[in-house]
Amino acid sequence: MPLLLRPFVRCRLGAELLVLWLGFIGVTCTGSEHTATATQPAAFSDLLPHFLVEPEDEFIVKNKPVMLTCRSTPATQIYFKCNGEWVHQDDHLIVRTVDPSTALPVMEVTIEITRQQVEKIFGLDEYWCQCVAWSTTGTQKSQKAYIRIAYLRKNFEEEPQAKEVALDQEVSLRCHPPEGVPQPEVEWQRNEDLIDPQSDPNFFITTDHNLIIKKARLADTGNYTCVAKNIVARRKSNSATILIYVDGGWSEWSGWSSCGADCAMWRSRECTQPSPGTGGKDCQGLDLQSLNCTSEQCPQTAGRAEDVALYVGMVAVALCLTLLLIILVLVYRRKKAGLDADVADSSILTTGFQPMGIKPSKPGVWAPRPRRPLTHSKNSHLLTIQPDLTTTTTSYQGTLRSRHDGPGKFSMTNGPLLDPLPKGSHTLHNGKLNSDPSDFVSRLSTQSYFKTLSRDVANTSYGTFNFLGGRLTIPNTGISLLIPPEAIPRGKIYEIYLTVQKKEDLRLPLAGCQTLLSPVVSCGPPGVVLSRPVILSMDHCSDACLDNWAIRLKKQTYEGAWEDVLLMGEELVSDPYYCQLEAETCQLFSEQLGTFALVGESLHMGAAKRLRLVLFSDAYCSTLEYNIRIYCIDDTQDVFKEVMQMERQLGGRLIDEPHILLFKDSYHNLRLSIHDMPQAHWRSKLLAGYQEIPFYHLWNGSQRYLHCTFTLERLSLSTCELTCQLCVWQVEGEGQSFSLDFNIAKDTRAVDSEFLLMDTNATALAGPSAFQIPYLIRQKICSSLDTPCPQGADWRMLAQRLKLERHMSFFASKASPTSAILDLWEAQHFHGGNINQLATVMADIGKQEAMIFLVSDGEC
């Protein structure tokens, strides 16, 4: 226990001041000049010490020590304790005074803390100090003061990325400053000038240091830098160039010109409101329109008698052609009515067609189709397909067999128009369409709206369809378009295409935490009239948990802009779009054709994307160096297909099965490292311990082929056996590892060996061959289940048994709920659908119509 502080008096003895320590009683000192008496204050013995100054938190910058101070009254002694140990009394600097207003003693103590003292326990615990004050009554402890070594690392955890943004759009620049103590402050610069949101409210800096440009202006084009600073240092990120582009806009149409000699007048418009600038798109559409003049306006005259005779002859021919057309229409309608009435006896709608005397081509292969003329309507952005009436007709005698028959079947995939003939003969209309798909894409791209259509023939399919419906598929991408029966109005024939767009070819605006979750898919032509929704199937790479995401369906307008048309989980049955989100696939009901994509915005840091990790190496290696490439791509089949095709061209080979990694929205980067190589034979040329892919590059989803390359070096050309461990992980997140053990000389498998499962189905199937459920059976099921049943044995029970009860309100809004359910079943089970399982569900419901599914081929 420290000695008690004794009151002191000062007695002047001669010319000197004598300080005497006395007890708690009064003492009188007599000197030559005067006498002083000191007495203890009456309340002093009853007071606990209280602190006038307590130690504060401090930071050690470089090697400069810090001073901690403590002041208390009334106090007889004060000592510091640091990390539970008393500081030696010799290290205390003590100053004693008396409070003139209360006559109470005041004691102030100061100590010095050096960097070496703090570093002794650095990493084990935080260094802290606390002072303890005594009086005659008891003790008091001050608050703890924490002493930390200040620093600011050099590398930013996330740096802003360059962007191209349309005028008036929102811009989001992300910045995660380097780790530092104390926490660094963040400011932003544009072209080295400080951005002040107070003076320019178009800028906003979020609490997590991101810069938001609320409405992009041309003046906002420049180089943006994120600056982090604290008491130690000031760091700058790499600059990100922001380019604000202007898409062109049409003026108002000019007035019509006077009627010309060709009996036509014209009007024009210009791409000047605004003019395209800084890389913006040109206006889409026509800049010139023509219109036929009326007879009064046309300068040509018909004064000659020969012209009158010519006109009379033309009118007569027109009348004859009109009468002939009416007769043909009446005959066609009568035959079509016979087909509808006798559908139970004509299995033409429930099966494929097996002609006799013709050797079928490869099963499921899309047969050549006649080219159909493209005509321009008043709305030039719509593609109207007229039937080709110049077709040849060939009749065959034969039997009808199911699309699931043996390999001898002939797939009628060119969208036939079938007419019943007496005695079981049927007519197949064969047109003259060029079978070259590149010709179709070239023709389509000449239309004003289709100038941005992908010309990648390998990722495009098309076909000709009528009211019987059909299906388009892009092999090995998971993308397909189901056209249900009756979706195309009777009497109409559409030439429909399906293509997957290159993400780099489209400007899909993404802001904040948004990310592209699916391929960008186009189906068209847009603007065609549909009687029922079609179903577009495509992969997505989210974790499929709507609690973690706000997932929106985006559609591209005719002008090229993107608009939100649907928010998952908040669909309205009155909307023209509806989505069924499955674990890896999205089924989109759409009453319109167009260009679509799924964009997700994470609601919290638990949201995750699925990344597919794919390993490739050189198929042949004749040098000491050997490369291993690790692709980190969105887990969708279309991206995987592109990577496989690219590696095949590079001469690469797949060296392990792909792994799936959940990549969370935690702003943490992805790290890749290689370990456990036999040091006697191999070494890595990587200087650092790991490679790193920035978070934003992966999260954005617009960079398709992100990968890291590990360059290894074998110490001898005779070394061929390679064993190692490859690790891929997100900082503070999930990880995956690959254990490799193979011979680089013997294993020369190409990339499309057993790992690339080729889709051998036809890219286009028209009519009954496109569906699992025969048309006649489908009609019977719909008529049986559409009618509500008091016991619940109707379409509602079918939806429950197929685990589709979440969409009850959507199905109920349709004229035939059962038909919508069966459409979705067809879309889900095209490749692996078991129709007997559906028959079992129907039997459980109590509908005996399903038993026809189980009839064998021989009984048919």
Foldseek 3Di string as FASTA:
>chain_A
DDDFQADWDWDDADPDTDIDGDHQAWDWDDHPPDIDIDHDPPCQLVDEKDWPDWFAAEEAADWDKDKTKTKIWPFRDKWKAKPNHTDDPVQKDKDWDADVVVRIIMIMIMGIDTPVNQVVCPPPDWIWMKMWTGHNVGIDIGDIYTYYYWDFDADWQDFFAADEAEFFAKAKTDTHGTDIPPFWDKWKDFPNHTDDCVVPVLWDQDPNGMIMRNGDDQVSFGWMWMWTDDPHDIYIDGTYTYHYWYAFDKDDKDDWDQQDQVQKIKIFIDRPPPNTDDPHHYWFDDGMDMDGHDPVRHPDDDPDPVSVVVVVVVVVVVVVVVVVVVVVVVVVVVQVVVCVVCVVVDLPQFAFDQFPPDQADFPQAADAALDFDWDADPPLLATATDDDPPWDKDKGADDTFHLPDDRRGHFPFQAFDWTDDPPRIIIGTGHHHDRDQLVVLVVQCVGRLNVLPDSPSLFKDKHKHAQLWWKFARWQFQKMKGGHHRFHPHPGIDIKMKGFHQLVSADDDDHDLKAFFWTWMFMDDWPHATPFWMKIKTWGFWQLDVVFKFKFKWFADSRRHIDTQDTPPPDDLPGQWDWDDDRTMIIITHRTGGIITMMIGTPDQVIWTKWKWWWKWALDDQAQKTKIKIWTFGPTRVLVVVVLVVCLVVRIATQDAIDIDTGTPPQFWKKKAKFDKDPVFKDWPDPDRIDIDGPCVHSHRNDGTDMDMIMMGTPDSVDFWIWIKMKMATVVGDIDIDTGTDGSHPDNDRHCDPNRDIDPRYSGGYRNSRFPGRPVLLVVLQVVAQDQDPVRLHVCLVCVVVVNNVCVVSLVVDPGSSSVVRSVLRSVCVPPDDLVVVLVSNVVSPHCSSVVVVDDSVVD
